[in-house]
Amino acid sequence: MTDPRLDAVRALVRDIPDFPKPGILFKDITPLLANPVGFNHSLELLEERFEGERVDAIVGMEARGFIFGAALAARMRVSFVPARKPGKLPAEVERVEYALEYGTDSLEIHKDGLKKGDRVLVVDDLIATGGTAKATGDLIERMGAEVAAYAFVIDLTFLDGKAKLAPTRVEALLEY
């Protein structure tokens, strides 16, 4: 028997065919975000997966990782650290560049955002190929902190992003 909260979260993720291009079935979380009960369920379910574990900070990737990461950090009473696109953070940053299917991208974190030895939970709405999450984890480790786990609302299992993050723990509420 599944948790009824999980069923409620699943019911609030809608499919958008052919977005952003033909052949893609986009998993849209905006109905979940618009529903306070469903959004709260998603946060509760993520929080429960890490009860009793030491987490010092949550890093969320731009942009939807900010939504889930900041809200989860507030619930867990830990700091939230944004991983942003280049040029968006005002203080000194650490930066990581990573490969995309057609080119590269970069993320930055404030140098003072994490402390050496911090145990960090990396949070985003969705894992696809795992490239952005892996780059974020590499950046966290380069800063002297440790990736305790990765947490997502949705895992697109057919893209096998979890394999890129192994052996680090990966939690996802929903799998497609």
C-alpha atoms as a PDB file:
ATOM      1  CA  MET A   1       0.000   0.000   0.000  1.00  0.00           C
ATOM      2  CA  THR A   2       1.392   3.355  -0.956  1.00  0.00           C
ATOM      3  CA  ASP A   3       1.374   6.414   1.241  1.00  0.00           C
ATOM      4  CA  PRO A   4      -1.708   8.509   0.340  1.00  0.00           C
ATOM      5  CA  ARG A   5       0.470  11.635   0.513  1.00  0.00           C
ATOM      6  CA  LEU A   6       2.652  10.186  -2.235  1.00  0.00           C
ATOM      7  CA  ASP A   7      -0.433   9.431  -4.330  1.00  0.00           C
ATOM      8  CA  ALA A   8      -1.530  13.059  -3.849  1.00  0.00           C
ATOM      9  CA  VAL A   9       1.878  14.340  -4.987  1.00  0.00           C
ATOM     10  CA  ARG A  10       1.836  12.054  -8.049  1.00  0.00           C
ATOM     11  CA  ALA A  11      -1.653  13.280  -8.978  1.00  0.00           C
ATOM     12  CA  LEU A  12      -0.357  16.877  -9.043  1.00  0.00           C
ATOM     13  CA  VAL A  13       2.401  16.242 -11.605  1.00  0.00           C
ATOM     14  CA  ARG A  14       1.003  16.750 -15.078  1.00  0.00           C
ATOM     15  CA  ASP A  15       2.349  15.598 -18.413  1.00  0.00           C
ATOM     16  CA  ILE A  16       2.921  18.164 -21.145  1.00  0.00           C
ATOM     17  CA  PRO A  17       3.577  16.420 -24.484  1.00  0.00           C
ATOM     18  CA  ASP A  18       6.064  17.866 -26.960  1.00  0.00           C
ATOM     19  CA  PHE A  19       7.583  20.389 -24.552  1.00  0.00           C
ATOM     20  CA  PRO A  20      10.115  21.935 -24.864  1.00  0.00           C
ATOM     21  CA  LYS A  21      10.395  20.175 -28.225  1.00  0.00           C
ATOM     22  CA  PRO A  22       8.611  17.415 -30.151  1.00  0.00           C
ATOM     23  CA  GLY A  23       8.999  13.953 -28.661  1.00  0.00           C
ATOM     24  CA  ILE A  24       9.584  15.134 -25.072  1.00  0.00           C
ATOM     25  CA  LEU A  25       6.989  14.359 -22.392  1.00  0.00           C
ATOM     26  CA  PHE A  26       7.581  17.131 -19.835  1.00  0.00           C
ATOM     27  CA  LYS A  27       6.772  16.465 -16.170  1.00  0.00           C
ATOM     28  CA  ASP A  28       5.239  19.742 -14.982  1.00  0.00           C
ATOM     29  CA  ILE A  29       5.411  20.403 -11.224  1.00  0.00           C
ATOM     30  CA  THR A  30       3.584  23.736 -11.273  1.00  0.00           C
ATOM     31  CA  PRO A  31       0.261  22.143 -10.218  1.00  0.00           C
ATOM     32  CA  LEU A  32       2.125  20.628  -7.246  1.00  0.00           C
ATOM     33  CA  LEU A  33       3.563  24.023  -6.302  1.00  0.00           C
ATOM     34  CA  ALA A  34       0.124  25.634  -6.646  1.00  0.00           C
ATOM     35  CA  ASN A  35      -1.435  23.157  -4.237  1.00  0.00           C
ATOM     36  CA  PRO A  36      -0.412  23.941  -0.622  1.00  0.00           C
ATOM     37  CA  VAL A  37      -1.432  20.525   0.700  1.00  0.00           C
ATOM     38  CA  GLY A  38       0.358  18.618  -2.060  1.00  0.00           C
ATOM     39  CA  PHE A  39       3.473  20.782  -1.838  1.00  0.00           C
ATOM     40  CA  ASN A  40       3.548  20.276   1.919  1.00  0.00           C
ATOM     41  CA  HIS A  41       3.190  16.512   1.411  1.00  0.00           C
ATOM     42  CA  SER A  42       6.216  16.508  -0.908  1.00  0.00           C
ATOM     43  CA  LEU A  43       8.283  18.334   1.712  1.00  0.00           C
ATOM     44  CA  GLU A  44       7.119  16.029   4.521  1.00  0.00           C
ATOM     45  CA  LEU A  45       7.985  12.952   2.490  1.00  0.00           C
ATOM     46  CA  LEU A  46      11.449  14.270   1.639  1.00  0.00           C
ATOM     47  CA  GLU A  47      12.104  15.308   5.230  1.00  0.00           C
ATOM     48  CA  GLU A  48      11.057  11.895   6.557  1.00  0.00           C
ATOM     49  CA  ARG A  49      13.660  10.191   4.368  1.00  0.00           C
ATOM     50  CA  PHE A  50      16.403  11.964   6.331  1.00  0.00           C
ATOM     51  CA  GLU A  51      15.007  11.876   9.878  1.00  0.00           C
ATOM     52  CA  GLY A  52      17.700  11.216  12.447  1.00  0.00           C
ATOM     53  CA  GLU A  53      20.535  11.893  10.010  1.00  0.00           C
ATOM     54  CA  ARG A  54      23.017  14.727  10.323  1.00  0.00           C
ATOM     55  CA  VAL A  55      22.423  17.307   7.614  1.00  0.00           C
ATOM     56  CA  ASP A  56      24.116  20.693   8.070  1.00  0.00           C
ATOM     57  CA  ALA A  57      23.016  22.385   4.858  1.00  0.00           C
ATOM     58  CA  ILE A  58      20.880  21.947   1.777  1.00  0.00           C
ATOM     59  CA  VAL A  59      22.136  23.039  -1.627  1.00  0.00           C
ATOM     60  CA  GLY A  60      19.469  23.630  -4.267  1.00  0.00           C
ATOM     61  CA  MET A  61      20.228  24.167  -7.931  1.00  0.00           C
ATOM     62  CA  GLU A  62      18.783  27.024  -9.928  1.00  0.00           C
ATOM     63  CA  ALA A  63      15.879  27.376 -10.282  1.00  0.00           C
ATOM     64  CA  ARG A  64      13.377  24.760  -9.135  1.00  0.00           C
ATOM     65  CA  GLY A  65      15.881  23.347  -6.655  1.00  0.00           C
ATOM     66  CA  PHE A  66      15.553  26.682  -4.854  1.00  0.00           C
ATOM     67  CA  ILE A  67      11.848  26.086  -4.303  1.00  0.00           C
ATOM     68  CA  PHE A  68      12.128  22.616  -2.808  1.00  0.00           C
ATOM     69  CA  GLY A  69      15.550  23.124  -1.237  1.00  0.00           C
ATOM     70  CA  ALA A  70      14.781  26.336   0.636  1.00  0.00           C
ATOM     71  CA  ALA A  71      11.442  25.062   1.918  1.00  0.00           C
ATOM     72  CA  LEU A  72      12.995  21.765   3.014  1.00  0.00           C
ATOM     73  CA  ALA A  73      15.896  23.573   4.703  1.00  0.00           C
ATOM     74  CA  ALA A  74      13.425  25.681   6.694  1.00  0.00           C
ATOM     75  CA  ARG A  75      11.544  22.528   7.785  1.00  0.00           C
ATOM     76  CA  MET A  76      14.788  20.769   8.747  1.00  0.00           C
ATOM     77  CA  ARG A  77      16.208  23.885  10.407  1.00  0.00           C
ATOM     78  CA  VAL A  78      19.422  23.866   8.399  1.00  0.00           C
ATOM     79  CA  SER A  79      20.995  26.444   6.127  1.00  0.00           C
ATOM     80  CA  PHE A  80      20.059  26.767   2.479  1.00  0.00           C
ATOM     81  CA  VAL A  81      22.800  27.453  -0.068  1.00  0.00           C
ATOM     82  CA  PRO A  82      21.838  28.305  -3.650  1.00  0.00           C
ATOM     83  CA  ALA A  83      23.851  26.922  -6.569  1.00  0.00           C
ATOM     84  CA  ARG A  84      23.397  29.582  -9.239  1.00  0.00           C
ATOM     85  CA  LYS A  85      24.236  30.283 -12.831  1.00  0.00           C
ATOM     86  CA  PRO A  86      27.407  32.391 -13.265  1.00  0.00           C
ATOM     87  CA  GLY A  87      27.257  36.067 -12.397  1.00  0.00           C
ATOM     88  CA  LYS A  88      24.194  35.847 -10.123  1.00  0.00           C
ATOM     89  CA  LEU A  89      25.890  35.700  -6.717  1.00  0.00           C
ATOM     90  CA  PRO A  90      27.344  38.950  -5.327  1.00  0.00           C
ATOM     91  CA  ALA A  91      30.219  37.653  -3.139  1.00  0.00           C
ATOM     92  CA  GLU A  92      33.272  35.517  -3.926  1.00  0.00           C
ATOM     93  CA  VAL A  93      32.300  32.161  -5.451  1.00  0.00           C
ATOM     94  CA  GLU A  94      33.503  28.663  -6.192  1.00  0.00           C
ATOM     95  CA  ARG A  95      32.567  27.568  -9.694  1.00  0.00           C
ATOM     96  CA  VAL A  96      32.160  24.280 -11.525  1.00  0.00           C
ATOM     97  CA  GLU A  97      31.779  23.793 -15.265  1.00  0.00           C
ATOM     98  CA  TYR A  98      30.121  20.639 -16.557  1.00  0.00           C
ATOM     99  CA  ALA A  99      29.263  19.027 -19.870  1.00  0.00           C
ATOM    100  CA  LEU A 100      25.813  19.107 -21.387  1.00  0.00           C
ATOM    101  CA  GLU A 101      24.616  17.099 -24.363  1.00  0.00           C
ATOM    102  CA  TYR A 102      25.557  19.998 -26.644  1.00  0.00           C
ATOM    103  CA  GLY A 103      28.052  22.247 -24.838  1.00  0.00           C
ATOM    104  CA  THR A 104      28.808  23.186 -21.256  1.00  0.00           C
ATOM    105  CA  ASP A 105      27.198  24.979 -18.337  1.00  0.00           C
ATOM    106  CA  SER A 106      28.412  26.284 -14.975  1.00  0.00           C
ATOM    107  CA  LEU A 107      27.183  26.680 -11.418  1.00  0.00           C
ATOM    108  CA  GLU A 108      28.515  28.818  -8.585  1.00  0.00           C
ATOM    109  CA  ILE A 109      28.226  28.747  -4.797  1.00  0.00           C
ATOM    110  CA  HIS A 110      29.403  31.463  -2.414  1.00  0.00           C
ATOM    111  CA  LYS A 111      32.795  30.478  -0.978  1.00  0.00           C
ATOM    112  CA  ASP A 112      31.481  31.082   2.534  1.00  0.00           C
ATOM    113  CA  GLY A 113      28.242  29.151   1.898  1.00  0.00           C
ATOM    114  CA  LEU A 114      29.573  25.839   3.210  1.00  0.00           C
ATOM    115  CA  LYS A 115      32.049  24.937   5.915  1.00  0.00           C
ATOM    116  CA  LYS A 116      34.665  22.220   5.766  1.00  0.00           C
ATOM    117  CA  GLY A 117      33.079  19.017   7.035  1.00  0.00           C
ATOM    118  CA  ASP A 118      29.458  20.094   6.465  1.00  0.00           C
ATOM    119  CA  ARG A 119      27.140  17.237   5.512  1.00  0.00           C
ATOM    120  CA  VAL A 120      25.083  18.503   2.593  1.00  0.00           C
ATOM    121  CA  LEU A 121      21.822  17.343   1.059  1.00  0.00           C
ATOM    122  CA  VAL A 122      21.582  18.273  -2.647  1.00  0.00           C
ATOM    123  CA  VAL A 123      17.954  18.959  -3.620  1.00  0.00           C
ATOM    124  CA  ASP A 124      16.274  19.500  -6.977  1.00  0.00           C
ATOM    125  CA  ASP A 125      12.841  18.901  -8.435  1.00  0.00           C
ATOM    126  CA  LEU A 126      13.949  16.293 -10.958  1.00  0.00           C
ATOM    127  CA  ILE A 127      16.875  14.080 -11.899  1.00  0.00           C
ATOM    128  CA  ALA A 128      17.295  13.304 -15.575  1.00  0.00           C
ATOM    129  CA  THR A 129      20.844  12.434 -16.692  1.00  0.00           C
ATOM    130  CA  GLY A 130      22.339  13.494 -13.359  1.00  0.00           C
ATOM    131  CA  GLY A 131      24.875  15.890 -14.852  1.00  0.00           C
ATOM    132  CA  THR A 132      23.813  19.006 -12.950  1.00  0.00           C
ATOM    133  CA  ALA A 133      23.507  17.124  -9.668  1.00  0.00           C
ATOM    134  CA  LYS A 134      26.918  15.485 -10.140  1.00  0.00           C
ATOM    135  CA  ALA A 135      28.553  18.826 -10.915  1.00  0.00           C
ATOM    136  CA  THR A 136      26.933  20.322  -7.816  1.00  0.00           C
ATOM    137  CA  GLY A 137      28.217  17.431  -5.713  1.00  0.00           C
ATOM    138  CA  ASP A 138      31.719  17.853  -7.143  1.00  0.00           C
ATOM    139  CA  LEU A 139      31.628  21.546  -6.269  1.00  0.00           C
ATOM    140  CA  ILE A 140      30.458  20.817  -2.705  1.00  0.00           C
ATOM    141  CA  GLU A 141      33.277  18.315  -2.196  1.00  0.00           C
ATOM    142  CA  ARG A 142      35.844  20.699  -3.667  1.00  0.00           C
ATOM    143  CA  MET A 143      34.727  23.193  -1.003  1.00  0.00           C
ATOM    144  CA  GLY A 144      35.590  20.652   1.724  1.00  0.00           C
ATOM    145  CA  ALA A 145      32.031  19.593   2.519  1.00  0.00           C
ATOM    146  CA  GLU A 146      30.489  16.141   2.045  1.00  0.00           C
ATOM    147  CA  VAL A 147      27.462  15.181  -0.025  1.00  0.00           C
ATOM    148  CA  ALA A 148      25.310  13.220   2.414  1.00  0.00           C
ATOM    149  CA  ALA A 149      22.707  12.422  -0.257  1.00  0.00           C
ATOM    150  CA  TYR A 150      20.780  13.686  -3.254  1.00  0.00           C
ATOM    151  CA  ALA A 151      17.001  14.188  -3.042  1.00  0.00           C
ATOM    152  CA  PHE A 152      14.528  14.753  -5.863  1.00  0.00           C
ATOM    153  CA  VAL A 153      10.786  14.861  -6.275  1.00  0.00           C
ATOM    154  CA  ILE A 154      11.001  13.062  -9.651  1.00  0.00           C
ATOM    155  CA  ASP A 155      13.457  10.558 -11.110  1.00  0.00           C
ATOM    156  CA  LEU A 156      13.274   9.944 -14.853  1.00  0.00           C
ATOM    157  CA  THR A 157      14.624   6.410 -14.444  1.00  0.00           C
ATOM    158  CA  PHE A 158      14.986   5.726 -18.170  1.00  0.00           C
ATOM    159  CA  LEU A 159      17.802   8.316 -18.264  1.00  0.00           C
ATOM    160  CA  ASP A 160      19.695   6.512 -15.436  1.00  0.00           C
ATOM    161  CA  GLY A 161      20.872   9.673 -13.680  1.00  0.00           C
ATOM    162  CA  LYS A 162      21.300   7.791 -10.384  1.00  0.00           C
ATOM    163  CA  ALA A 163      24.201   5.838 -11.894  1.00  0.00           C
ATOM    164  CA  LYS A 164      26.149   9.072 -12.369  1.00  0.00           C
ATOM    165  CA  LEU A 165      25.724   9.863  -8.655  1.00  0.00           C
ATOM    166  CA  ALA A 166      26.730   6.418  -7.347  1.00  0.00           C
ATOM    167  CA  PRO A 167      27.754   5.406  -4.771  1.00  0.00           C
ATOM    168  CA  THR A 168      26.132   8.381  -3.002  1.00  0.00           C
ATOM    169  CA  ARG A 169      22.593   7.829  -1.747  1.00  0.00           C
ATOM    170  CA  VAL A 170      19.828   9.097  -4.042  1.00  0.00           C
ATOM    171  CA  GLU A 171      16.205   9.516  -2.924  1.00  0.00           C
ATOM    172  CA  ALA A 172      13.296  10.357  -5.225  1.00  0.00           C
ATOM    173  CA  LEU A 173       9.624  10.486  -4.360  1.00  0.00           C
ATOM    174  CA  LEU A 174       8.322   9.583  -7.811  1.00  0.00           C
ATOM    175  CA  GLU A 175       9.786   7.495 -10.629  1.00  0.00           C
ATOM    176  CA  TYR A 176       8.815   7.668 -14.283  1.00  0.00           C
END
